[in-house]
Amino acid sequence: LYEGEEGEAIASTFKGDKKDLKLPENQINFIKKMRGKSEKPLVL
């Protein structure tokens, strides 16, 4: 949905390409928040 051919990746605002290489910011924030609440093993 995020990367693919022109017109195929419907969640892409760059016609299938990516503007950067990061995870979506909300996923980054979620992992950080989860890590802040627990020191238990976390596999990504």
All heavy atoms as atom14 arrays in JSON, in Angstrom:
{
  "sequence": "LYEGEEGEAIASTFKGDKKDLKLPENQINFIKKMRGKSEKPLVL",
  "atom14_mask": [
    [1, 1, 1, 1, 1, 1, 1, 1, 0, 0, 0, 0, 0, 0],
    [1, 1, 1, 1, 1, 1, 1, 1, 1, 1, 1, 1, 0, 0],
    [1, 1, 1, 1, 1, 1, 1, 1, 1, 0, 0, 0, 0, 0],
    [1, 1, 1, 1, 0, 0, 0, 0, 0, 0, 0, 0, 0, 0],
    [1, 1, 1, 1, 1, 1, 1, 1, 1, 0, 0, 0, 0, 0],
    [1, 1, 1, 1, 1, 1, 1, 1, 1, 0, 0, 0, 0, 0],
    [1, 1, 1, 1, 0, 0, 0, 0, 0, 0, 0, 0, 0, 0],
    [1, 1, 1, 1, 1, 1, 1, 1, 1, 0, 0, 0, 0, 0],
    [1, 1, 1, 1, 1, 0, 0, 0, 0, 0, 0, 0, 0, 0],
    [1, 1, 1, 1, 1, 1, 1, 1, 0, 0, 0, 0, 0, 0],
    [1, 1, 1, 1, 1, 0, 0, 0, 0, 0, 0, 0, 0, 0],
    [1, 1, 1, 1, 1, 1, 0, 0, 0, 0, 0, 0, 0, 0],
    [1, 1, 1, 1, 1, 1, 1, 0, 0, 0, 0, 0, 0, 0],
    [1, 1, 1, 1, 1, 1, 1, 1, 1, 1, 1, 0, 0, 0],
    [1, 1, 1, 1, 1, 1, 1, 1, 1, 0, 0, 0, 0, 0],
    [1, 1, 1, 1, 0, 0, 0, 0, 0, 0, 0, 0, 0, 0],
    [1, 1, 1, 1, 1, 1, 1, 1, 0, 0, 0, 0, 0, 0],
    [1, 1, 1, 1, 1, 1, 1, 1, 1, 0, 0, 0, 0, 0],
    [1, 1, 1, 1, 1, 1, 1, 1, 1, 0, 0, 0, 0, 0],
    [1, 1, 1, 1, 1, 1, 1, 1, 0, 0, 0, 0, 0, 0],
    [1, 1, 1, 1, 1, 1, 1, 1, 0, 0, 0, 0, 0, 0],
    [1, 1, 1, 1, 1, 1, 1, 1, 1, 0, 0, 0, 0, 0],
    [1, 1, 1, 1, 1, 1, 1, 1, 0, 0, 0, 0, 0, 0],
    [1, 1, 1, 1, 1, 1, 1, 0, 0, 0, 0, 0, 0, 0],
    [1, 1, 1, 1, 1, 1, 1, 1, 1, 0, 0, 0, 0, 0],
    [1, 1, 1, 1, 1, 1, 1, 1, 0, 0, 0, 0, 0, 0],
    [1, 1, 1, 1, 1, 1, 1, 1, 1, 0, 0, 0, 0, 0],
    [1, 1, 1, 1, 1, 1, 1, 1, 0, 0, 0, 0, 0, 0],
    [1, 1, 1, 1, 1, 1, 1, 1, 0, 0, 0, 0, 0, 0],
    [1, 1, 1, 1, 1, 1, 1, 1, 1, 1, 1, 0, 0, 0],
    [1, 1, 1, 1, 1, 1, 1, 1, 0, 0, 0, 0, 0, 0],
    [1, 1, 1, 1, 1, 1, 1, 1, 1, 0, 0, 0, 0, 0],
    [1, 1, 1, 1, 1, 1, 1, 1, 1, 0, 0, 0, 0, 0],
    [1, 1, 1, 1, 1, 1, 1, 1, 0, 0, 0, 0, 0, 0],
    [1, 1, 1, 1, 1, 1, 1, 1, 1, 1, 1, 0, 0, 0],
    [1, 1, 1, 1, 0, 0, 0, 0, 0, 0, 0, 0, 0, 0],
    [1, 1, 1, 1, 1, 1, 1, 1, 1, 0, 0, 0, 0, 0],
    [1, 1, 1, 1, 1, 1, 0, 0, 0, 0, 0, 0, 0, 0],
    [1, 1, 1, 1, 1, 1, 1, 1, 1, 0, 0, 0, 0, 0],
    [1, 1, 1, 1, 1, 1, 1, 1, 1, 0, 0, 0, 0, 0],
    [1, 1, 1, 1, 1, 1, 1, 0, 0, 0, 0, 0, 0, 0],
    [1, 1, 1, 1, 1, 1, 1, 1, 0, 0, 0, 0, 0, 0],
    [1, 1, 1, 1, 1, 1, 1, 0, 0, 0, 0, 0, 0, 0],
    [1, 1, 1, 1, 1, 1, 1, 1, 0, 0, 0, 0, 0, 0]
  ],
  "atom14_positions": [
    [[0.82, -1.21, 0.0], [0.0, 0.0, 0.0], [0.86, 1.25, 0.0], [0.42, 2.32, -0.42], [-0.9, 0.02, 1.24], [-1.91, -1.12, 1.39], [-2.63, -1.0, 2.73], [-2.91, -1.1, 0.24], [0.0, 0.0, 0.0], [0.0, 0.0, 0.0], [0.0, 0.0, 0.0], [0.0, 0.0, 0.0], [0.0, 0.0, 0.0], [0.0, 0.0, 0.0]],
    [[2.08, 1.11, 0.47], [2.96, 2.26, 0.72], [4.05, 2.4, -0.33], [4.55, 3.49, -0.56], [3.57, 2.1, 2.11], [4.24, 3.33, 2.67], [3.48, 4.4, 3.11], [5.62, 3.41, 2.78], [4.07, 5.54, 3.66], [6.23, 4.53, 3.32], [5.45, 5.59, 3.76], [6.05, 6.71, 4.29], [0.0, 0.0, 0.0], [0.0, 0.0, 0.0]],
    [[4.45, 1.29, -0.94], [5.5, 1.31, -1.96], [5.12, 0.38, -3.1], [4.56, -0.68, -2.88], [6.85, 0.89, -1.37], [6.87, -0.52, -0.81], [8.24, -0.96, -0.31], [9.22, -0.25, -0.55], [8.31, -2.02, 0.33], [0.0, 0.0, 0.0], [0.0, 0.0, 0.0], [0.0, 0.0, 0.0], [0.0, 0.0, 0.0], [0.0, 0.0, 0.0]],
    [[5.4, 0.81, -4.32], [5.05, -0.02, -5.46], [5.07, 0.77, -6.75], [5.71, 1.82, -6.86], [0.0, 0.0, 0.0], [0.0, 0.0, 0.0], [0.0, 0.0, 0.0], [0.0, 0.0, 0.0], [0.0, 0.0, 0.0], [0.0, 0.0, 0.0], [0.0, 0.0, 0.0], [0.0, 0.0, 0.0], [0.0, 0.0, 0.0], [0.0, 0.0, 0.0]],
    [[4.32, 0.27, -7.72], [4.29, 0.9, -9.03], [3.4, 2.13, -9.02], [2.48, 2.25, -8.2], [3.8, -0.1, -10.08], [3.97, 0.36, -11.5], [3.7, -0.73, -12.5], [3.26, -1.83, -12.1], [3.93, -0.49, -13.69], [0.0, 0.0, 0.0], [0.0, 0.0, 0.0], [0.0, 0.0, 0.0], [0.0, 0.0, 0.0], [0.0, 0.0, 0.0]],
    [[3.66, 3.03, -9.96], [2.84, 4.2, -10.18], [1.36, 3.8, -10.18], [0.93, 2.99, -10.97], [3.21, 4.81, -11.53], [2.31, 5.91, -12.02], [2.51, 6.18, -13.51], [2.44, 5.21, -14.29], [2.73, 7.34, -13.87], [0.0, 0.0, 0.0], [0.0, 0.0, 0.0], [0.0, 0.0, 0.0], [0.0, 0.0, 0.0], [0.0, 0.0, 0.0]],
    [[0.59, 4.37, -9.26], [-0.84, 4.09, -9.23], [-1.25, 2.9, -8.39], [-2.42, 2.75, -8.05], [0.0, 0.0, 0.0], [0.0, 0.0, 0.0], [0.0, 0.0, 0.0], [0.0, 0.0, 0.0], [0.0, 0.0, 0.0], [0.0, 0.0, 0.0], [0.0, 0.0, 0.0], [0.0, 0.0, 0.0], [0.0, 0.0, 0.0], [0.0, 0.0, 0.0]],
    [[-0.31, 2.02, -8.04], [-0.64, 0.83, -7.27], [-0.62, 1.07, -5.76], [-1.49, 0.61, -5.03], [0.34, -0.3, -7.61], [0.04, -1.01, -8.91], [-1.15, -1.93, -8.82], [-1.3, -2.65, -7.83], [-1.96, -1.91, -9.76], [0.0, 0.0, 0.0], [0.0, 0.0, 0.0], [0.0, 0.0, 0.0], [0.0, 0.0, 0.0], [0.0, 0.0, 0.0]],
    [[0.39, 1.8, -5.29], [0.57, 2.0, -3.85], [-0.33, 3.15, -3.4], [0.08, 4.32, -3.4], [2.04, 2.27, -3.54], [0.0, 0.0, 0.0], [0.0, 0.0, 0.0], [0.0, 0.0, 0.0], [0.0, 0.0, 0.0], [0.0, 0.0, 0.0], [0.0, 0.0, 0.0], [0.0, 0.0, 0.0], [0.0, 0.0, 0.0], [0.0, 0.0, 0.0]],
    [[-1.54, 2.84, -2.99], [-2.55, 3.88, -2.76], [-2.31, 4.7, -1.5], [-2.93, 5.75, -1.32], [-3.97, 3.26, -2.72], [-4.07, 2.22, -1.6], [-4.31, 2.64, -4.07], [-5.47, 1.63, -1.45], [0.0, 0.0, 0.0], [0.0, 0.0, 0.0], [0.0, 0.0, 0.0], [0.0, 0.0, 0.0], [0.0, 0.0, 0.0], [0.0, 0.0, 0.0]],
    [[-1.4, 4.26, -0.63], [-1.07, 5.05, 0.55], [0.15, 5.94, 0.32], [0.54, 6.7, 1.2], [-0.82, 4.15, 1.76], [0.0, 0.0, 0.0], [0.0, 0.0, 0.0], [0.0, 0.0, 0.0], [0.0, 0.0, 0.0], [0.0, 0.0, 0.0], [0.0, 0.0, 0.0], [0.0, 0.0, 0.0], [0.0, 0.0, 0.0], [0.0, 0.0, 0.0]],
    [[0.76, 5.83, -0.88], [1.93, 6.63, -1.19], [1.52, 7.97, -1.79], [0.66, 8.02, -2.67], [2.83, 5.89, -2.19], [3.83, 6.74, -2.72], [0.0, 0.0, 0.0], [0.0, 0.0, 0.0], [0.0, 0.0, 0.0], [0.0, 0.0, 0.0], [0.0, 0.0, 0.0], [0.0, 0.0, 0.0], [0.0, 0.0, 0.0], [0.0, 0.0, 0.0]],
    [[2.14, 9.03, -1.32], [1.88, 10.36, -1.89], [2.91, 10.71, -2.96], [2.93, 11.84, -3.45], [1.89, 11.43, -0.78], [3.14, 11.37, -0.09], [0.75, 11.21, 0.2], [0.0, 0.0, 0.0], [0.0, 0.0, 0.0], [0.0, 0.0, 0.0], [0.0, 0.0, 0.0], [0.0, 0.0, 0.0], [0.0, 0.0, 0.0], [0.0, 0.0, 0.0]],
    [[3.76, 9.73, -3.31], [4.81, 9.96, -4.31], [4.7, 8.95, -5.46], [5.7, 8.49, -5.98], [6.19, 9.91, -3.66], [6.41, 11.01, -2.66], [6.04, 10.85, -1.34], [6.95, 12.21, -3.07], [6.22, 11.88, -0.42], [7.13, 13.25, -2.16], [6.77, 13.08, -0.84], [0.0, 0.0, 0.0], [0.0, 0.0, 0.0], [0.0, 0.0, 0.0]],
    [[3.46, 8.6, -5.8], [3.18, 7.7, -6.92], [3.92, 6.38, -6.8], [4.42, 5.84, -7.79], [3.49, 8.39, -8.25], [2.58, 9.58, -8.54], [2.75, 10.1, -9.95], [1.77, 11.24, -10.21], [1.92, 11.79, -11.58], [0.0, 0.0, 0.0], [0.0, 0.0, 0.0], [0.0, 0.0, 0.0], [0.0, 0.0, 0.0], [0.0, 0.0, 0.0]],
    [[4.0, 5.86, -5.6], [4.6, 4.55, -5.36], [5.98, 4.6, -4.75], [6.43, 3.64, -4.14], [0.0, 0.0, 0.0], [0.0, 0.0, 0.0], [0.0, 0.0, 0.0], [0.0, 0.0, 0.0], [0.0, 0.0, 0.0], [0.0, 0.0, 0.0], [0.0, 0.0, 0.0], [0.0, 0.0, 0.0], [0.0, 0.0, 0.0], [0.0, 0.0, 0.0]],
    [[6.69, 5.72, -4.93], [8.02, 5.88, -4.34], [7.91, 6.36, -2.89], [6.84, 6.76, -2.42], [8.85, 6.87, -5.15], [9.23, 6.34, -6.51], [9.34, 5.11, -6.66], [9.42, 7.15, -7.43], [0.0, 0.0, 0.0], [0.0, 0.0, 0.0], [0.0, 0.0, 0.0], [0.0, 0.0, 0.0], [0.0, 0.0, 0.0], [0.0, 0.0, 0.0]],
    [[9.04, 6.33, -2.19], [9.1, 6.82, -0.81], [9.91, 8.12, -0.78], [10.9, 8.25, -1.5], [9.77, 5.79, 0.09], [9.1, 4.43, 0.09], [9.65, 3.5, 1.16], [11.13, 3.24, 1.02], [11.63, 2.26, 1.99], [0.0, 0.0, 0.0], [0.0, 0.0, 0.0], [0.0, 0.0, 0.0], [0.0, 0.0, 0.0], [0.0, 0.0, 0.0]],
    [[9.48, 9.04, 0.04], [10.25, 10.3, 0.16], [11.41, 10.13, 1.13], [12.4, 10.85, 1.07], [9.35, 11.45, 0.61], [8.85, 11.36, 2.03], [8.12, 12.64, 2.44], [7.65, 12.56, 3.89], [6.99, 13.81, 4.33], [0.0, 0.0, 0.0], [0.0, 0.0, 0.0], [0.0, 0.0, 0.0], [0.0, 0.0, 0.0], [0.0, 0.0, 0.0]],
    [[11.28, 9.2, 2.06], [12.37, 8.91, 2.99], [12.38, 7.42, 3.28], [11.58, 6.67, 2.72], [12.25, 9.74, 4.28], [10.94, 9.48, 5.02], [10.55, 8.31, 5.16], [10.3, 10.46, 5.45], [0.0, 0.0, 0.0], [0.0, 0.0, 0.0], [0.0, 0.0, 0.0], [0.0, 0.0, 0.0], [0.0, 0.0, 0.0], [0.0, 0.0, 0.0]],
    [[13.27, 6.99, 4.15], [13.44, 5.56, 4.42], [12.96, 5.17, 5.8], [13.13, 4.01, 6.21], [14.92, 5.18, 4.26], [15.61, 5.64, 2.98], [17.05, 5.15, 2.96], [14.87, 5.19, 1.74], [0.0, 0.0, 0.0], [0.0, 0.0, 0.0], [0.0, 0.0, 0.0], [0.0, 0.0, 0.0], [0.0, 0.0, 0.0], [0.0, 0.0, 0.0]],
    [[12.37, 6.1, 6.51], [11.98, 5.85, 7.89], [10.73, 5.0, 7.99], [9.92, 4.95, 7.06], [11.72, 7.18, 8.6], [12.91, 8.11, 8.7], [12.53, 9.46, 9.29], [12.04, 9.35, 10.72], [11.74, 10.67, 11.29], [0.0, 0.0, 0.0], [0.0, 0.0, 0.0], [0.0, 0.0, 0.0], [0.0, 0.0, 0.0], [0.0, 0.0, 0.0]],
    [[10.58, 4.34, 9.14], [9.28, 3.8, 9.48], [8.3, 4.95, 9.62], [8.71, 6.08, 9.95], [9.35, 3.08, 10.83], [9.66, 1.59, 10.9], [9.65, 1.14, 12.35], [8.69, 0.77, 10.09], [0.0, 0.0, 0.0], [0.0, 0.0, 0.0], [0.0, 0.0, 0.0], [0.0, 0.0, 0.0], [0.0, 0.0, 0.0], [0.0, 0.0, 0.0]],
    [[7.02, 4.72, 9.39], [6.05, 5.77, 9.7], [6.25, 6.26, 11.14], [6.48, 5.46, 12.06], [4.71, 5.06, 9.52], [4.99, 4.02, 8.48], [6.39, 3.55, 8.77], [0.0, 0.0, 0.0], [0.0, 0.0, 0.0], [0.0, 0.0, 0.0], [0.0, 0.0, 0.0], [0.0, 0.0, 0.0], [0.0, 0.0, 0.0], [0.0, 0.0, 0.0]],
    [[6.17, 7.56, 11.33], [6.5, 8.18, 12.61], [5.68, 7.61, 13.76], [6.19, 7.45, 14.89], [6.28, 9.69, 12.53], [6.95, 10.49, 13.63], [8.47, 10.45, 13.55], [9.0, 10.4, 12.42], [9.12, 10.46, 14.62], [0.0, 0.0, 0.0], [0.0, 0.0, 0.0], [0.0, 0.0, 0.0], [0.0, 0.0, 0.0], [0.0, 0.0, 0.0]],
    [[4.41, 7.28, 13.51], [3.58, 6.76, 14.6], [4.06, 5.39, 15.06], [3.94, 5.04, 16.24], [2.11, 6.7, 14.18], [1.85, 5.77, 13.01], [2.61, 5.75, 12.06], [0.79, 4.99, 13.09], [0.0, 0.0, 0.0], [0.0, 0.0, 0.0], [0.0, 0.0, 0.0], [0.0, 0.0, 0.0], [0.0, 0.0, 0.0], [0.0, 0.0, 0.0]],
    [[4.65, 4.58, 14.12], [5.2, 3.3, 14.53], [6.46, 3.49, 15.38], [6.67, 2.77, 16.37], [5.52, 2.45, 13.3], [4.3, 2.02, 12.5], [4.64, 1.01, 11.42], [5.53, 0.19, 11.58], [3.93, 1.08, 10.3], [0.0, 0.0, 0.0], [0.0, 0.0, 0.0], [0.0, 0.0, 0.0], [0.0, 0.0, 0.0], [0.0, 0.0, 0.0]],
    [[7.29, 4.45, 14.99], [8.48, 4.76, 15.78], [8.08, 5.17, 17.2], [8.63, 4.67, 18.19], [9.29, 5.89, 15.11], [9.83, 5.43, 13.76], [10.45, 6.33, 16.02], [10.48, 6.53, 12.95], [0.0, 0.0, 0.0], [0.0, 0.0, 0.0], [0.0, 0.0, 0.0], [0.0, 0.0, 0.0], [0.0, 0.0, 0.0], [0.0, 0.0, 0.0]],
    [[7.11, 6.06, 17.29], [6.66, 6.54, 18.6], [6.06, 5.42, 19.44], [6.25, 5.38, 20.66], [5.64, 7.67, 18.42], [6.26, 8.91, 17.8], [7.47, 9.13, 17.88], [5.44, 9.73, 17.17], [0.0, 0.0, 0.0], [0.0, 0.0, 0.0], [0.0, 0.0, 0.0], [0.0, 0.0, 0.0], [0.0, 0.0, 0.0], [0.0, 0.0, 0.0]],
    [[5.37, 4.51, 18.78], [4.75, 3.4, 19.5], [5.82, 2.49, 20.11], [5.71, 2.08, 21.28], [3.86, 2.61, 18.55], [3.09, 1.49, 19.2], [1.9, 1.74, 19.86], [3.56, 0.19, 19.17], [1.19, 0.71, 20.47], [2.87, -0.85, 19.77], [1.68, -0.58, 20.42], [0.0, 0.0, 0.0], [0.0, 0.0, 0.0], [0.0, 0.0, 0.0]],
    [[6.86, 2.17, 19.34], [7.94, 1.33, 19.86], [8.63, 2.03, 21.03], [8.93, 1.41, 22.07], [8.96, 1.0, 18.75], [8.32, 0.13, 17.67], [10.2, 0.31, 19.34], [7.96, -1.26, 18.1], [0.0, 0.0, 0.0], [0.0, 0.0, 0.0], [0.0, 0.0, 0.0], [0.0, 0.0, 0.0], [0.0, 0.0, 0.0], [0.0, 0.0, 0.0]],
    [[8.89, 3.31, 20.91], [9.53, 4.06, 21.99], [8.66, 4.05, 23.25], [9.17, 3.88, 24.37], [9.8, 5.5, 21.55], [10.92, 5.65, 20.54], [11.11, 7.12, 20.16], [12.29, 7.3, 19.22], [12.48, 8.72, 18.82], [0.0, 0.0, 0.0], [0.0, 0.0, 0.0], [0.0, 0.0, 0.0], [0.0, 0.0, 0.0], [0.0, 0.0, 0.0]],
    [[7.37, 4.24, 23.06], [6.45, 4.27, 24.21], [6.39, 2.89, 24.88], [6.39, 2.78, 26.11], [5.07, 4.7, 23.74], [4.08, 4.98, 24.86], [2.78, 5.53, 24.28], [1.78, 5.83, 25.4], [0.49, 6.35, 24.85], [0.0, 0.0, 0.0], [0.0, 0.0, 0.0], [0.0, 0.0, 0.0], [0.0, 0.0, 0.0], [0.0, 0.0, 0.0]],
    [[6.37, 1.86, 24.09], [6.33, 0.51, 24.63], [7.62, 0.19, 25.39], [7.58, -0.41, 26.47], [6.12, -0.49, 23.48], [5.74, -1.88, 23.91], [4.88, -2.79, 22.61], [5.95, -2.54, 21.22], [0.0, 0.0, 0.0], [0.0, 0.0, 0.0], [0.0, 0.0, 0.0], [0.0, 0.0, 0.0], [0.0, 0.0, 0.0], [0.0, 0.0, 0.0]],
    [[8.76, 0.61, 24.82], [10.04, 0.4, 25.5], [10.08, 1.15, 26.82], [10.64, 0.65, 27.81], [11.17, 0.88, 24.58], [12.57, 0.79, 25.19], [13.21, -0.58, 25.05], [12.6, -1.63, 25.83], [12.94, -2.92, 25.75], [13.87, -3.31, 24.9], [12.35, -3.82, 26.48], [0.0, 0.0, 0.0], [0.0, 0.0, 0.0], [0.0, 0.0, 0.0]],
    [[9.45, 2.33, 26.87], [9.45, 3.12, 28.09], [8.64, 2.5, 29.21], [8.85, 2.83, 30.38], [0.0, 0.0, 0.0], [0.0, 0.0, 0.0], [0.0, 0.0, 0.0], [0.0, 0.0, 0.0], [0.0, 0.0, 0.0], [0.0, 0.0, 0.0], [0.0, 0.0, 0.0], [0.0, 0.0, 0.0], [0.0, 0.0, 0.0], [0.0, 0.0, 0.0]],
    [[7.71, 1.62, 28.84], [6.86, 1.0, 29.85], [7.34, -0.38, 30.28], [6.8, -0.97, 31.22], [5.43, 0.89, 29.32], [4.73, 2.23, 29.16], [3.28, 2.05, 28.78], [2.55, 3.38, 28.69], [1.12, 3.23, 28.37], [0.0, 0.0, 0.0], [0.0, 0.0, 0.0], [0.0, 0.0, 0.0], [0.0, 0.0, 0.0], [0.0, 0.0, 0.0]],
    [[8.33, -0.93, 29.57], [8.76, -2.28, 29.89], [10.21, -2.49, 29.49], [10.65, -2.03, 28.44], [7.88, -3.3, 29.16], [8.39, -4.6, 29.31], [0.0, 0.0, 0.0], [0.0, 0.0, 0.0], [0.0, 0.0, 0.0], [0.0, 0.0, 0.0], [0.0, 0.0, 0.0], [0.0, 0.0, 0.0], [0.0, 0.0, 0.0], [0.0, 0.0, 0.0]],
    [[10.94, -3.21, 30.35], [12.31, -3.62, 30.03], [12.36, -5.07, 29.6], [13.43, -5.63, 29.4], [13.22, -3.39, 31.23], [13.46, -1.93, 31.57], [14.12, -1.18, 30.42], [15.05, -1.74, 29.81], [13.68, -0.05, 30.13], [0.0, 0.0, 0.0], [0.0, 0.0, 0.0], [0.0, 0.0, 0.0], [0.0, 0.0, 0.0], [0.0, 0.0, 0.0]],
    [[11.18, -5.69, 29.46], [11.12, -7.09, 29.01], [11.62, -7.19, 27.57], [11.59, -6.21, 26.81], [9.68, -7.6, 29.1], [9.1, -7.63, 30.51], [9.66, -8.8, 31.29], [8.96, -8.95, 32.64], [7.53, -9.32, 32.51], [0.0, 0.0, 0.0], [0.0, 0.0, 0.0], [0.0, 0.0, 0.0], [0.0, 0.0, 0.0], [0.0, 0.0, 0.0]],
    [[12.07, -8.36, 27.14], [12.59, -8.52, 25.77], [11.59, -8.06, 24.71], [10.4, -8.39, 24.77], [12.84, -10.03, 25.67], [13.12, -10.45, 27.08], [12.22, -9.61, 27.92], [0.0, 0.0, 0.0], [0.0, 0.0, 0.0], [0.0, 0.0, 0.0], [0.0, 0.0, 0.0], [0.0, 0.0, 0.0], [0.0, 0.0, 0.0], [0.0, 0.0, 0.0]],
    [[12.11, -7.31, 23.75], [11.29, -6.75, 22.68], [11.93, -7.09, 21.34], [13.06, -6.68, 21.04], [11.19, -5.22, 22.84], [10.47, -4.44, 21.74], [9.04, -4.94, 21.54], [10.48, -2.95, 22.07], [0.0, 0.0, 0.0], [0.0, 0.0, 0.0], [0.0, 0.0, 0.0], [0.0, 0.0, 0.0], [0.0, 0.0, 0.0], [0.0, 0.0, 0.0]],
    [[11.21, -7.87, 20.55], [11.67, -8.29, 19.23], [10.92, -7.48, 18.17], [9.69, -7.49, 18.14], [11.43, -9.8, 19.01], [11.84, -10.21, 17.59], [12.18, -10.62, 20.05], [0.0, 0.0, 0.0], [0.0, 0.0, 0.0], [0.0, 0.0, 0.0], [0.0, 0.0, 0.0], [0.0, 0.0, 0.0], [0.0, 0.0, 0.0], [0.0, 0.0, 0.0]],
    [[11.66, -6.79, 17.32], [11.06, -6.0, 16.26], [11.15, -6.77, 14.94], [12.25, -7.06, 14.46], [11.77, -4.65, 16.13], [11.31, -3.73, 14.99], [9.83, -3.36, 15.14], [12.17, -2.48, 14.94], [0.0, 0.0, 0.0], [0.0, 0.0, 0.0], [0.0, 0.0, 0.0], [0.0, 0.0, 0.0], [0.0, 0.0, 0.0], [0.0, 0.0, 0.0]]
  ]
}
